[in-house]
Amino acid sequence: TVYTVPGMDPDWLIGERGNQKGKV
């Protein structure tokens, strides 16, 4: 699952896999 947040670099998204989360 991915999404973006304000102020984030456009080449990156936030990714979630279960309880894990990080930039992708």
PDB file of all heavy atoms in Angstrom:
ATOM      1  N   THR A   1       0.858  -1.191   0.000  1.00  0.00           N
ATOM      2  CA  THR A   1       0.000   0.000   0.000  1.00  0.00           C
ATOM      3  C   THR A   1       0.890   1.235   0.000  1.00  0.00           C
ATOM      4  O   THR A   1       1.882   1.295   0.749  1.00  0.00           O
ATOM      5  CB  THR A   1      -0.908  -0.002   1.238  1.00  0.00           C
ATOM      6  OG1 THR A   1      -1.707  -1.186   1.235  1.00  0.00           O
ATOM      7  CG2 THR A   1      -1.820   1.214   1.244  1.00  0.00           C
ATOM      8  N   VAL A   2       0.568   2.212  -0.855  1.00  0.00           N
ATOM      9  CA  VAL A   2       1.397   3.419  -0.954  1.00  0.00           C
ATOM     10  C   VAL A   2       0.524   4.655  -0.865  1.00  0.00           C
ATOM     11  O   VAL A   2      -0.670   4.635  -1.196  1.00  0.00           O
ATOM     12  CB  VAL A   2       2.206   3.441  -2.261  1.00  0.00           C
ATOM     13  CG1 VAL A   2       3.206   2.304  -2.302  1.00  0.00           C
ATOM     14  CG2 VAL A   2       1.295   3.378  -3.480  1.00  0.00           C
ATOM     15  N   TYR A   3       1.157   5.733  -0.419  1.00  0.00           N
ATOM     16  CA  TYR A   3       0.494   7.036  -0.391  1.00  0.00           C
ATOM     17  C   TYR A   3       1.573   8.098  -0.246  1.00  0.00           C
ATOM     18  O   TYR A   3       2.747   7.789   0.026  1.00  0.00           O
ATOM     19  CB  TYR A   3      -0.512   7.126   0.750  1.00  0.00           C
ATOM     20  CG  TYR A   3       0.039   6.763   2.115  1.00  0.00           C
ATOM     21  CD1 TYR A   3       0.645   7.715   2.927  1.00  0.00           C
ATOM     22  CD2 TYR A   3      -0.057   5.448   2.578  1.00  0.00           C
ATOM     23  CE1 TYR A   3       1.150   7.380   4.169  1.00  0.00           C
ATOM     24  CE2 TYR A   3       0.450   5.106   3.819  1.00  0.00           C
ATOM     25  CZ  TYR A   3       1.055   6.073   4.609  1.00  0.00           C
ATOM     26  OH  TYR A   3       1.557   5.745   5.839  1.00  0.00           O
ATOM     27  N   THR A   4       1.203   9.329  -0.452  1.00  0.00           N
ATOM     28  CA  THR A   4       2.143  10.430  -0.315  1.00  0.00           C
ATOM     29  C   THR A   4       1.666  11.367   0.781  1.00  0.00           C
ATOM     30  O   THR A   4       0.501  11.317   1.203  1.00  0.00           O
ATOM     31  CB  THR A   4       2.296  11.199  -1.641  1.00  0.00           C
ATOM     32  OG1 THR A   4       3.339  12.170  -1.509  1.00  0.00           O
ATOM     33  CG2 THR A   4       1.006  11.904  -2.024  1.00  0.00           C
ATOM     34  N   VAL A   5       2.598  12.178   1.264  1.00  0.00           N
ATOM     35  CA  VAL A   5       2.270  13.158   2.298  1.00  0.00           C
ATOM     36  C   VAL A   5       2.801  14.517   1.858  1.00  0.00           C
ATOM     37  O   VAL A   5       3.756  14.590   1.059  1.00  0.00           O
ATOM     38  CB  VAL A   5       2.879  12.752   3.660  1.00  0.00           C
ATOM     39  CG1 VAL A   5       2.253  11.484   4.175  1.00  0.00           C
ATOM     40  CG2 VAL A   5       4.392  12.605   3.565  1.00  0.00           C
ATOM     41  N   PRO A   6       2.226  15.587   2.342  1.00  0.00           N
ATOM     42  CA  PRO A   6       2.693  16.925   1.949  1.00  0.00           C
ATOM     43  C   PRO A   6       4.171  17.122   2.264  1.00  0.00           C
ATOM     44  O   PRO A   6       4.673  16.689   3.301  1.00  0.00           O
ATOM     45  CB  PRO A   6       1.803  17.851   2.789  1.00  0.00           C
ATOM     46  CG  PRO A   6       0.576  17.050   3.083  1.00  0.00           C
ATOM     47  CD  PRO A   6       1.042  15.648   3.225  1.00  0.00           C
ATOM     48  N   GLY A   7       4.854  17.759   1.320  1.00  0.00           N
ATOM     49  CA  GLY A   7       6.268  18.063   1.499  1.00  0.00           C
ATOM     50  C   GLY A   7       7.205  16.948   1.120  1.00  0.00           C
ATOM     51  O   GLY A   7       8.418  17.074   1.292  1.00  0.00           O
ATOM     52  N   MET A   8       6.665  15.861   0.584  1.00  0.00           N
ATOM     53  CA  MET A   8       7.506  14.701   0.262  1.00  0.00           C
ATOM     54  C   MET A   8       8.051  14.806  -1.158  1.00  0.00           C
ATOM     55  O   MET A   8       7.392  15.317  -2.062  1.00  0.00           O
ATOM     56  CB  MET A   8       6.681  13.413   0.411  1.00  0.00           C
ATOM     57  CG  MET A   8       7.522  12.147   0.345  1.00  0.00           C
ATOM     58  SD  MET A   8       6.534  10.721   0.807  1.00  0.00           S
ATOM     59  CE  MET A   8       7.792   9.453   0.732  1.00  0.00           C
ATOM     60  N   ASP A   9       9.272  14.339  -1.353  1.00  0.00           N
ATOM     61  CA  ASP A   9       9.893  14.348  -2.673  1.00  0.00           C
ATOM     62  C   ASP A   9       9.020  13.556  -3.648  1.00  0.00           C
ATOM     63  O   ASP A   9       8.577  12.445  -3.323  1.00  0.00           O
ATOM     64  CB  ASP A   9      11.295  13.711  -2.592  1.00  0.00           C
ATOM     65  CG  ASP A   9      12.073  13.879  -3.878  1.00  0.00           C
ATOM     66  OD1 ASP A   9      11.683  13.250  -4.886  1.00  0.00           O
ATOM     67  OD2 ASP A   9      13.068  14.625  -3.880  1.00  0.00           O
ATOM     68  N   PRO A  10       8.747  14.090  -4.867  1.00  0.00           N
ATOM     69  CA  PRO A  10       7.853  13.402  -5.812  1.00  0.00           C
ATOM     70  C   PRO A  10       8.390  12.072  -6.323  1.00  0.00           C
ATOM     71  O   PRO A  10       7.638  11.284  -6.888  1.00  0.00           O
ATOM     72  CB  PRO A  10       7.687  14.417  -6.948  1.00  0.00           C
ATOM     73  CG  PRO A  10       8.898  15.288  -6.866  1.00  0.00           C
ATOM     74  CD  PRO A  10       9.203  15.406  -5.395  1.00  0.00           C
ATOM     75  N   ASP A  11       9.690  11.805  -6.185  1.00  0.00           N
ATOM     76  CA  ASP A  11      10.253  10.528  -6.647  1.00  0.00           C
ATOM     77  C   ASP A  11      10.036   9.414  -5.628  1.00  0.00           C
ATOM     78  O   ASP A  11      10.428   8.271  -5.870  1.00  0.00           O
ATOM     79  CB  ASP A  11      11.754  10.670  -6.920  1.00  0.00           C
ATOM     80  CG  ASP A  11      12.024  11.447  -8.198  1.00  0.00           C
ATOM     81  OD1 ASP A  11      11.125  11.488  -9.061  1.00  0.00           O
ATOM     82  OD2 ASP A  11      13.121  12.031  -8.327  1.00  0.00           O
ATOM     83  N   TRP A  12       9.436   9.733  -4.478  1.00  0.00           N
ATOM     84  CA  TRP A  12       9.265   8.757  -3.406  1.00  0.00           C
ATOM     85  C   TRP A  12       7.817   8.718  -2.938  1.00  0.00           C
ATOM     86  O   TRP A  12       7.067   9.683  -3.081  1.00  0.00           O
ATOM     87  CB  TRP A  12      10.162   9.099  -2.211  1.00  0.00           C
ATOM     88  CG  TRP A  12      11.622   9.023  -2.525  1.00  0.00           C
ATOM     89  CD1 TRP A  12      12.360   9.942  -3.190  1.00  0.00           C
ATOM     90  CD2 TRP A  12      12.514   7.953  -2.212  1.00  0.00           C
ATOM     91  NE1 TRP A  12      13.665   9.538  -3.319  1.00  0.00           N
ATOM     92  CE2 TRP A  12      13.786   8.314  -2.721  1.00  0.00           C
ATOM     93  CE3 TRP A  12      12.370   6.731  -1.544  1.00  0.00           C
ATOM     94  CZ2 TRP A  12      14.906   7.489  -2.575  1.00  0.00           C
ATOM     95  CZ3 TRP A  12      13.481   5.925  -1.399  1.00  0.00           C
ATOM     96  CH2 TRP A  12      14.735   6.306  -1.918  1.00  0.00           C
ATOM     97  N   LEU A  13       7.419   7.578  -2.377  1.00  0.00           N
ATOM     98  CA  LEU A  13       6.117   7.419  -1.737  1.00  0.00           C
ATOM     99  C   LEU A  13       6.323   6.730  -0.391  1.00  0.00           C
ATOM    100  O   LEU A  13       7.394   6.146  -0.146  1.00  0.00           O
ATOM    101  CB  LEU A  13       5.176   6.572  -2.613  1.00  0.00           C
ATOM    102  CG  LEU A  13       4.696   7.164  -3.949  1.00  0.00           C
ATOM    103  CD1 LEU A  13       3.963   6.105  -4.748  1.00  0.00           C
ATOM    104  CD2 LEU A  13       3.803   8.375  -3.724  1.00  0.00           C
ATOM    105  N   ILE A  14       5.313   6.798   0.453  1.00  0.00           N
ATOM    106  CA  ILE A  14       5.335   6.010   1.685  1.00  0.00           C
ATOM    107  C   ILE A  14       4.721   4.648   1.379  1.00  0.00           C
ATOM    108  O   ILE A  14       3.624   4.562   0.822  1.00  0.00           O
ATOM    109  CB  ILE A  14       4.553   6.697   2.815  1.00  0.00           C
ATOM    110  CG1 ILE A  14       5.159   8.059   3.133  1.00  0.00           C
ATOM    111  CG2 ILE A  14       4.521   5.816   4.053  1.00  0.00           C
ATOM    112  CD1 ILE A  14       6.574   7.981   3.672  1.00  0.00           C
ATOM    113  N   GLY A  15       5.425   3.586   1.698  1.00  0.00           N
ATOM    114  CA  GLY A  15       4.932   2.238   1.449  1.00  0.00           C
ATOM    115  C   GLY A  15       4.675   1.496   2.745  1.00  0.00           C
ATOM    116  O   GLY A  15       5.444   1.637   3.715  1.00  0.00           O
ATOM    117  N   GLU A  16       3.607   0.720   2.779  1.00  0.00           N
ATOM    118  CA  GLU A  16       3.276  -0.073   3.961  1.00  0.00           C
ATOM    119  C   GLU A  16       3.091  -1.531   3.569  1.00  0.00           C
ATOM    120  O   GLU A  16       2.460  -1.831   2.553  1.00  0.00           O
ATOM    121  CB  GLU A  16       1.999   0.453   4.630  1.00  0.00           C
ATOM    122  CG  GLU A  16       2.176   1.784   5.328  1.00  0.00           C
ATOM    123  CD  GLU A  16       0.941   2.161   6.145  1.00  0.00           C
ATOM    124  OE1 GLU A  16      -0.039   1.378   6.117  1.00  0.00           O
ATOM    125  OE2 GLU A  16       0.954   3.221   6.794  1.00  0.00           O
ATOM    126  N   ARG A  17       3.657  -2.418   4.409  1.00  0.00           N
ATOM    127  CA  ARG A  17       3.495  -3.852   4.210  1.00  0.00           C
ATOM    128  C   ARG A  17       3.303  -4.454   5.599  1.00  0.00           C
ATOM    129  O   ARG A  17       4.256  -4.630   6.353  1.00  0.00           O
ATOM    130  CB  ARG A  17       4.722  -4.445   3.518  1.00  0.00           C
ATOM    131  CG  ARG A  17       4.616  -5.968   3.293  1.00  0.00           C
ATOM    132  CD  ARG A  17       5.867  -6.494   2.611  1.00  0.00           C
ATOM    133  NE  ARG A  17       7.052  -6.138   3.375  1.00  0.00           N
ATOM    134  CZ  ARG A  17       8.149  -5.596   2.848  1.00  0.00           C
ATOM    135  NH1 ARG A  17       8.197  -5.339   1.560  1.00  0.00           N
ATOM    136  NH2 ARG A  17       9.190  -5.302   3.608  1.00  0.00           N
ATOM    137  N   GLY A  18       2.020  -4.707   5.947  1.00  0.00           N
ATOM    138  CA  GLY A  18       1.735  -5.172   7.293  1.00  0.00           C
ATOM    139  C   GLY A  18       2.054  -4.091   8.316  1.00  0.00           C
ATOM    140  O   GLY A  18       1.581  -2.963   8.230  1.00  0.00           O
ATOM    141  N   ASN A  19       2.939  -4.416   9.289  1.00  0.00           N
ATOM    142  CA  ASN A  19       3.349  -3.444  10.293  1.00  0.00           C
ATOM    143  C   ASN A  19       4.582  -2.652   9.884  1.00  0.00           C
ATOM    144  O   ASN A  19       5.022  -1.776  10.623  1.00  0.00           O
ATOM    145  CB  ASN A  19       3.623  -4.163  11.626  1.00  0.00           C
ATOM    146  CG  ASN A  19       2.366  -4.795  12.197  1.00  0.00           C
ATOM    147  OD1 ASN A  19       1.274  -4.264  12.016  1.00  0.00           O
ATOM    148  ND2 ASN A  19       2.529  -5.931  12.876  1.00  0.00           N
ATOM    149  N   GLN A  20       5.146  -2.990   8.717  1.00  0.00           N
ATOM    150  CA  GLN A  20       6.345  -2.299   8.243  1.00  0.00           C
ATOM    151  C   GLN A  20       5.959  -1.086   7.413  1.00  0.00           C
ATOM    152  O   GLN A  20       4.987  -1.115   6.647  1.00  0.00           O
ATOM    153  CB  GLN A  20       7.217  -3.246   7.417  1.00  0.00           C
ATOM    154  CG  GLN A  20       7.774  -4.419   8.228  1.00  0.00           C
ATOM    155  CD  GLN A  20       8.588  -5.353   7.348  1.00  0.00           C
ATOM    156  OE1 GLN A  20       8.142  -5.766   6.287  1.00  0.00           O
ATOM    157  NE2 GLN A  20       9.785  -5.674   7.796  1.00  0.00           N
ATOM    158  N   LYS A  21       6.767  -0.036   7.506  1.00  0.00           N
ATOM    159  CA  LYS A  21       6.460   1.203   6.804  1.00  0.00           C
ATOM    160  C   LYS A  21       7.761   1.913   6.485  1.00  0.00           C
ATOM    161  O   LYS A  21       8.723   1.858   7.255  1.00  0.00           O
ATOM    162  CB  LYS A  21       5.557   2.074   7.684  1.00  0.00           C
ATOM    163  CG  LYS A  21       5.189   3.410   7.077  1.00  0.00           C
ATOM    164  CD  LYS A  21       4.032   4.080   7.819  1.00  0.00           C
ATOM    165  CE  LYS A  21       4.261   4.142   9.321  1.00  0.00           C
ATOM    166  NZ  LYS A  21       3.158   4.833  10.017  1.00  0.00           N
ATOM    167  N   GLY A  22       7.812   2.582   5.328  1.00  0.00           N
ATOM    168  CA  GLY A  22       9.012   3.318   4.949  1.00  0.00           C
ATOM    169  C   GLY A  22       8.872   3.919   3.567  1.00  0.00           C
ATOM    170  O   GLY A  22       7.919   3.651   2.829  1.00  0.00           O
ATOM    171  N   LYS A  23       9.848   4.739   3.217  1.00  0.00           N
ATOM    172  CA  LYS A  23       9.849   5.382   1.900  1.00  0.00           C
ATOM    173  C   LYS A  23      10.234   4.349   0.827  1.00  0.00           C
ATOM    174  O   LYS A  23      11.114   3.510   1.054  1.00  0.00           O
ATOM    175  CB  LYS A  23      10.826   6.551   1.881  1.00  0.00           C
ATOM    176  CG  LYS A  23      10.419   7.720   2.778  1.00  0.00           C
ATOM    177  CD  LYS A  23      11.438   8.832   2.719  1.00  0.00           C
ATOM    178  CE  LYS A  23      12.782   8.380   3.288  1.00  0.00           C
ATOM    179  NZ  LYS A  23      13.764   9.483   3.326  1.00  0.00           N
ATOM    180  N   VAL A  24       9.591   4.455  -0.348  1.00  0.00           N
ATOM    181  CA  VAL A  24       9.886   3.563  -1.480  1.00  0.00           C
ATOM    182  C   VAL A  24       9.988   4.418  -2.746  1.00  0.00           C
ATOM    183  O   VAL A  24       9.256   5.409  -2.904  1.00  0.00           O
ATOM    184  CB  VAL A  24       8.797   2.480  -1.653  1.00  0.00           C
ATOM    185  CG1 VAL A  24       8.807   1.525  -0.472  1.00  0.00           C
ATOM    186  CG2 VAL A  24       7.422   3.101  -1.798  1.00  0.00           C
TER     187      VAL A  24
END
